[in-house]
PDB file of N, CA and C in Angstrom:
ATOM      1  N   SER A   1      22.864   4.431   7.107  1.00  0.00           N
ATOM      2  CA  SER A   1      21.603   3.823   7.558  1.00  0.00           C
ATOM      3  C   SER A   1      20.420   4.661   7.065  1.00  0.00           C
ATOM      4  N   GLY A   2      20.680   5.937   6.809  1.00  0.00           N
ATOM      5  CA  GLY A   2      19.603   6.816   6.347  1.00  0.00           C
ATOM      6  C   GLY A   2      19.051   6.364   5.005  1.00  0.00           C
ATOM      7  N   LYS A   3      19.960   6.000   4.100  1.00  0.00           N
ATOM      8  CA  LYS A   3      19.521   5.569   2.769  1.00  0.00           C
ATOM      9  C   LYS A   3      18.743   4.264   2.855  1.00  0.00           C
ATOM     10  N   THR A   4      19.188   3.365   3.727  1.00  0.00           N
ATOM     11  CA  THR A   4      18.500   2.079   3.868  1.00  0.00           C
ATOM     12  C   THR A   4      17.088   2.290   4.407  1.00  0.00           C
ATOM     13  N   GLN A   5      16.961   3.176   5.393  1.00  0.00           N
ATOM     14  CA  GLN A   5      15.647   3.438   5.985  1.00  0.00           C
ATOM     15  C   GLN A   5      14.724   4.069   4.949  1.00  0.00           C
ATOM     16  N   LEU A   6      15.271   4.985   4.160  1.00  0.00           N
ATOM     17  CA  LEU A   6      14.468   5.647   3.133  1.00  0.00           C
ATOM     18  C   LEU A   6      13.996   4.645   2.088  1.00  0.00           C
ATOM     19  N   ALA A   7      14.902   3.762   1.677  1.00  0.00           N
ATOM     20  CA  ALA A   7      14.554   2.750   0.681  1.00  0.00           C
ATOM     21  C   ALA A   7      13.489   1.803   1.236  1.00  0.00           C
ATOM     22  N   HIS A   8      13.631   1.441   2.510  1.00  0.00           N
ATOM     23  CA  HIS A   8      12.672   0.534   3.132  1.00  0.00           C
ATOM     24  C   HIS A   8      11.296   1.189   3.215  1.00  0.00           C
ATOM     25  N   THR A   9      11.280   2.472   3.605  1.00  0.00           N
ATOM     26  CA  THR A   9      10.012   3.199   3.703  1.00  0.00           C
ATOM     27  C   THR A   9       9.348   3.294   2.337  1.00  0.00           C
ATOM     28  N   LEU A  10      10.159   3.546   1.313  1.00  0.00           N
ATOM     29  CA  LEU A  10       9.625   3.662  -0.043  1.00  0.00           C
ATOM     30  C   LEU A  10       9.049   2.331  -0.505  1.00  0.00           C
ATOM     31  N   CYS A  11       9.745   1.257  -0.190  1.00  0.00           N
ATOM     32  CA  CYS A  11       9.296  -0.079  -0.583  1.00  0.00           C
ATOM     33  C   CYS A  11       7.980  -0.423   0.110  1.00  0.00           C
ATOM     34  N   VAL A  12       7.909  -0.150   1.405  1.00  0.00           N
ATOM     35  CA  VAL A  12       6.704  -0.455   2.176  1.00  0.00           C
ATOM     36  C   VAL A  12       5.526   0.368   1.668  1.00  0.00           C
ATOM     37  N   SER A  13       5.756   1.652   1.429  1.00  0.00           N
ATOM     38  CA  SER A  13       4.669   2.518   0.965  1.00  0.00           C
ATOM     39  C   SER A  13       4.172   2.067  -0.405  1.00  0.00           C
ATOM     40  N   THR A  14       5.104   1.582  -1.232  1.00  0.00           N
ATOM     41  CA  THR A  14       4.720   1.096  -2.557  1.00  0.00           C
ATOM     42  C   THR A  14       3.882  -0.168  -2.435  1.00  0.00           C
ATOM     43  N   GLN A  15       4.272  -1.051  -1.524  1.00  0.00           N
ATOM     44  CA  GLN A  15       3.523  -2.295  -1.323  1.00  0.00           C
ATOM     45  C   GLN A  15       2.127  -1.998  -0.782  1.00  0.00           C
ATOM     46  N   VAL A  16       2.060  -1.050   0.155  1.00  0.00           N
ATOM     47  CA  VAL A  16       0.763  -0.686   0.738  1.00  0.00           C
ATOM     48  C   VAL A  16      -0.144  -0.090  -0.333  1.00  0.00           C
ATOM     49  N   ARG A  17       0.434   0.789  -1.149  1.00  0.00           N
ATOM     50  CA  ARG A  17      -0.361   1.424  -2.204  1.00  0.00           C
ATOM     51  C   ARG A  17      -0.853   0.384  -3.200  1.00  0.00           C
ATOM     52  N   PHE A  18       0.019  -0.574  -3.538  1.00  0.00           N
ATOM     53  CA  PHE A  18      -0.354  -1.633  -4.474  1.00  0.00           C
ATOM     54  C   PHE A  18      -1.450  -2.514  -3.870  1.00  0.00           C
ATOM     55  N   HIS A  19      -1.321  -2.829  -2.574  1.00  0.00           N
ATOM     56  CA  HIS A  19      -2.295  -3.679  -1.902  1.00  0.00           C
ATOM     57  C   HIS A  19      -3.659  -3.000  -1.848  1.00  0.00           C
ATOM     58  N   LEU A  20      -3.648  -1.692  -1.551  1.00  0.00           N
ATOM     59  CA  LEU A  20      -4.902  -0.949  -1.463  1.00  0.00           C
ATOM     60  C   LEU A  20      -5.576  -0.875  -2.828  1.00  0.00           C
ATOM     61  N   SER A  21      -4.799  -0.608  -3.863  1.00  0.00           N
ATOM     62  CA  SER A  21      -5.371  -0.516  -5.207  1.00  0.00           C
ATOM     63  C   SER A  21      -5.899  -1.878  -5.643  1.00  0.00           C
ATOM     64  N   LEU A  22      -5.195  -2.938  -5.261  1.00  0.00           N
ATOM     65  CA  LEU A  22      -5.626  -4.287  -5.604  1.00  0.00           C
ATOM     66  C   LEU A  22      -6.930  -4.615  -4.877  1.00  0.00           C
ATOM     67  N   GLN A  23      -7.028  -4.202  -3.615  1.00  0.00           N
ATOM     68  CA  GLN A  23      -8.247  -4.421  -2.842  1.00  0.00           C
ATOM     69  C   GLN A  23      -9.420  -3.693  -3.486  1.00  0.00           C
ATOM     70  N   ASN A  24      -9.178  -2.452  -3.916  1.00  0.00           N
ATOM     71  CA  ASN A  24     -10.240  -1.662  -4.536  1.00  0.00           C
ATOM     72  C   ASN A  24     -10.710  -2.308  -5.831  1.00  0.00           C
ATOM     73  N   LEU A  25      -9.779  -2.935  -6.547  1.00  0.00           N
ATOM     74  CA  LEU A  25     -10.144  -3.579  -7.805  1.00  0.00           C
ATOM     75  C   LEU A  25     -10.960  -4.846  -7.551  1.00  0.00           C
ATOM     76  N   LEU A  26     -10.571  -5.586  -6.523  1.00  0.00           N
ATOM     77  CA  LEU A  26     -11.232  -6.865  -6.256  1.00  0.00           C
ATOM     78  C   LEU A  26     -12.572  -6.673  -5.560  1.00  0.00           C
ATOM     79  N   ALA A  27     -12.620  -5.744  -4.607  1.00  0.00           N
ATOM     80  CA  ALA A  27     -13.850  -5.555  -3.829  1.00  0.00           C
ATOM     81  C   ALA A  27     -14.091  -4.075  -3.555  1.00  0.00           C
ATOM     82  N   PRO A  28     -14.571  -3.320  -4.540  1.00  0.00           N
ATOM     83  CA  PRO A  28     -14.816  -1.886  -4.360  1.00  0.00           C
ATOM     84  C   PRO A  28     -15.971  -1.616  -3.408  1.00  0.00           C
ATOM     85  N   SER A  29     -16.853  -2.592  -3.219  1.00  0.00           N
ATOM     86  CA  SER A  29     -18.006  -2.391  -2.342  1.00  0.00           C
ATOM     87  C   SER A  29     -17.607  -2.462  -0.870  1.00  0.00           C
ATOM     88  N   ARG A  30     -16.414  -3.000  -0.586  1.00  0.00           N
ATOM     89  CA  ARG A  30     -15.961  -3.117   0.796  1.00  0.00           C
ATOM     90  C   ARG A  30     -15.540  -1.769   1.376  1.00  0.00           C
ATOM     91  N   GLU A  31     -15.319  -0.788   0.515  1.00  0.00           N
ATOM     92  CA  GLU A  31     -14.796   0.495   0.961  1.00  0.00           C
ATOM     93  C   GLU A  31     -15.750   1.150   1.955  1.00  0.00           C
ATOM     94  N   SER A  32     -17.048   0.943   1.793  1.00  0.00           N
ATOM     95  CA  SER A  32     -18.024   1.575   2.680  1.00  0.00           C
ATOM     96  C   SER A  32     -17.981   0.945   4.071  1.00  0.00           C
ATOM     97  N   GLU A  33     -17.591  -0.328   4.153  1.00  0.00           N
ATOM     98  CA  GLU A  33     -17.528  -0.995   5.457  1.00  0.00           C
ATOM     99  C   GLU A  33     -16.398  -0.441   6.303  1.00  0.00           C
ATOM    100  N   MET A  34     -15.277  -0.093   5.657  1.00  0.00           N
ATOM    101  CA  MET A  34     -14.129   0.426   6.382  1.00  0.00           C
ATOM    102  C   MET A  34     -14.329   1.911   6.655  1.00  0.00           C
TER     103      MET A  34
END
């Protein structure tokens, strides 16, 4: 179960990082609001 949890965490962190970078590309001016 340890390997599955690690893989899941890695997948989620990758998705979050991709989403954040995509947000920055689409709306960099929104960063000041957050």
